[in-house]
Amino acid sequence: MGIDVRIIQRAFSPVLMEQDEQIGLWRSAGWELLEASDLAILAACLFEWTGAMHFIQTPVIRQL
């Protein structure tokens, strides 16, 4: 069993996936995490710290 934590863009908001199950949703105030593992929390923190939101959003969504 390997590590499977991903942040993907769905509709208008990124979601945090772990083992193909949605465990977190990004809102304007930050992440809403449900039963997240330590690794998933680390992934969400790194996502915020690096400013990766800019790279996964399309230009149209950034203008909304």
C-alpha atoms as a PDB file:
ATOM      1  CA  MET A   1       0.000   0.000   0.000  1.00  0.00           C
ATOM      2  CA  GLY A   2       1.456   3.332  -1.064  1.00  0.00           C
ATOM      3  CA  ILE A   3       0.887   6.943  -0.236  1.00  0.00           C
ATOM      4  CA  ASP A   4      -2.059   8.404  -2.142  1.00  0.00           C
ATOM      5  CA  VAL A   5      -2.777  12.029  -1.242  1.00  0.00           C
ATOM      6  CA  ARG A   6      -3.751  14.409  -4.042  1.00  0.00           C
ATOM      7  CA  ILE A   7      -5.111  17.918  -4.435  1.00  0.00           C
ATOM      8  CA  ILE A   8      -7.207  18.275  -7.567  1.00  0.00           C
ATOM      9  CA  GLN A   9      -9.383  21.010  -9.051  1.00  0.00           C
ATOM     10  CA  ARG A  10     -13.110  20.227  -9.100  1.00  0.00           C
ATOM     11  CA  ALA A  11     -15.658  22.771 -10.284  1.00  0.00           C
ATOM     12  CA  PHE A  12     -14.666  26.023  -8.578  1.00  0.00           C
ATOM     13  CA  SER A  13     -12.667  24.703  -5.650  1.00  0.00           C
ATOM     14  CA  PRO A  14      -9.731  22.359  -5.055  1.00  0.00           C
ATOM     15  CA  VAL A  15     -10.377  19.201  -3.075  1.00  0.00           C
ATOM     16  CA  LEU A  16      -8.029  17.037  -1.041  1.00  0.00           C
ATOM     17  CA  MET A  17      -8.228  13.342  -1.921  1.00  0.00           C
ATOM     18  CA  GLU A  18      -6.791  10.454   0.079  1.00  0.00           C
ATOM     19  CA  GLN A  19      -7.101   6.861  -1.165  1.00  0.00           C
ATOM     20  CA  ASP A  20      -9.687   8.040  -3.781  1.00  0.00           C
ATOM     21  CA  GLU A  21     -11.923   9.542  -1.069  1.00  0.00           C
ATOM     22  CA  GLN A  22     -12.575  13.283  -0.718  1.00  0.00           C
ATOM     23  CA  ILE A  23     -11.465  14.361   2.738  1.00  0.00           C
ATOM     24  CA  GLY A  24     -11.076  18.100   2.347  1.00  0.00           C
ATOM     25  CA  LEU A  25     -12.441  21.106   0.490  1.00  0.00           C
ATOM     26  CA  TRP A  26     -10.767  24.471   0.054  1.00  0.00           C
ATOM     27  CA  ARG A  27     -12.928  27.514   0.787  1.00  0.00           C
ATOM     28  CA  SER A  28     -12.000  31.200   0.812  1.00  0.00           C
ATOM     29  CA  ALA A  29     -11.212  30.949   4.544  1.00  0.00           C
ATOM     30  CA  GLY A  30      -8.938  27.923   4.044  1.00  0.00           C
ATOM     31  CA  TRP A  31      -9.199  24.141   4.143  1.00  0.00           C
ATOM     32  CA  GLU A  32     -12.108  22.226   5.651  1.00  0.00           C
ATOM     33  CA  LEU A  33     -10.645  18.807   6.489  1.00  0.00           C
ATOM     34  CA  LEU A  34     -12.666  15.761   7.521  1.00  0.00           C
ATOM     35  CA  GLU A  35     -10.827  12.900   9.253  1.00  0.00           C
ATOM     36  CA  ALA A  36      -7.533  13.749   7.545  1.00  0.00           C
ATOM     37  CA  SER A  37      -4.352  11.824   8.209  1.00  0.00           C
ATOM     38  CA  ASP A  38      -1.140  13.584   9.210  1.00  0.00           C
ATOM     39  CA  LEU A  39       0.117  13.227   5.640  1.00  0.00           C
ATOM     40  CA  ALA A  40      -3.026  14.840   4.217  1.00  0.00           C
ATOM     41  CA  ILE A  41      -2.715  17.744   6.656  1.00  0.00           C
ATOM     42  CA  LEU A  42       0.907  18.189   5.606  1.00  0.00           C
ATOM     43  CA  ALA A  43      -0.150  18.226   1.945  1.00  0.00           C
ATOM     44  CA  ALA A  44      -2.757  20.925   2.635  1.00  0.00           C
ATOM     45  CA  CYS A  45      -0.194  23.013   4.550  1.00  0.00           C
ATOM     46  CA  LEU A  46       2.361  22.730   1.752  1.00  0.00           C
ATOM     47  CA  PHE A  47      -0.319  23.648  -0.794  1.00  0.00           C
ATOM     48  CA  GLU A  48      -1.079  26.866   1.110  1.00  0.00           C
ATOM     49  CA  TRP A  49       2.555  27.694   1.896  1.00  0.00           C
ATOM     50  CA  THR A  50       3.746  27.359  -1.709  1.00  0.00           C
ATOM     51  CA  GLY A  51       0.836  29.295  -3.229  1.00  0.00           C
ATOM     52  CA  ALA A  52      -0.018  26.372  -5.496  1.00  0.00           C
ATOM     53  CA  MET A  53      -3.626  27.581  -5.857  1.00  0.00           C
ATOM     54  CA  HIS A  54      -2.400  29.900  -8.599  1.00  0.00           C
ATOM     55  CA  PHE A  55      -1.176  26.969 -10.679  1.00  0.00           C
ATOM     56  CA  ILE A  56      -4.214  24.688 -10.538  1.00  0.00           C
ATOM     57  CA  GLN A  57      -6.883  27.316 -11.190  1.00  0.00           C
ATOM     58  CA  THR A  58      -7.686  28.322 -14.728  1.00  0.00           C
ATOM     59  CA  PRO A  59      -7.436  32.052 -15.585  1.00  0.00           C
ATOM     60  CA  VAL A  60     -11.228  32.291 -15.859  1.00  0.00           C
ATOM     61  CA  ILE A  61     -11.786  31.022 -12.300  1.00  0.00           C
ATOM     62  CA  ARG A  62      -9.148  33.440 -10.967  1.00  0.00           C
ATOM     63  CA  GLN A  63     -11.203  36.356 -12.371  1.00  0.00           C
ATOM     64  CA  LEU A  64     -14.442  35.332 -10.612  1.00  0.00           C
END
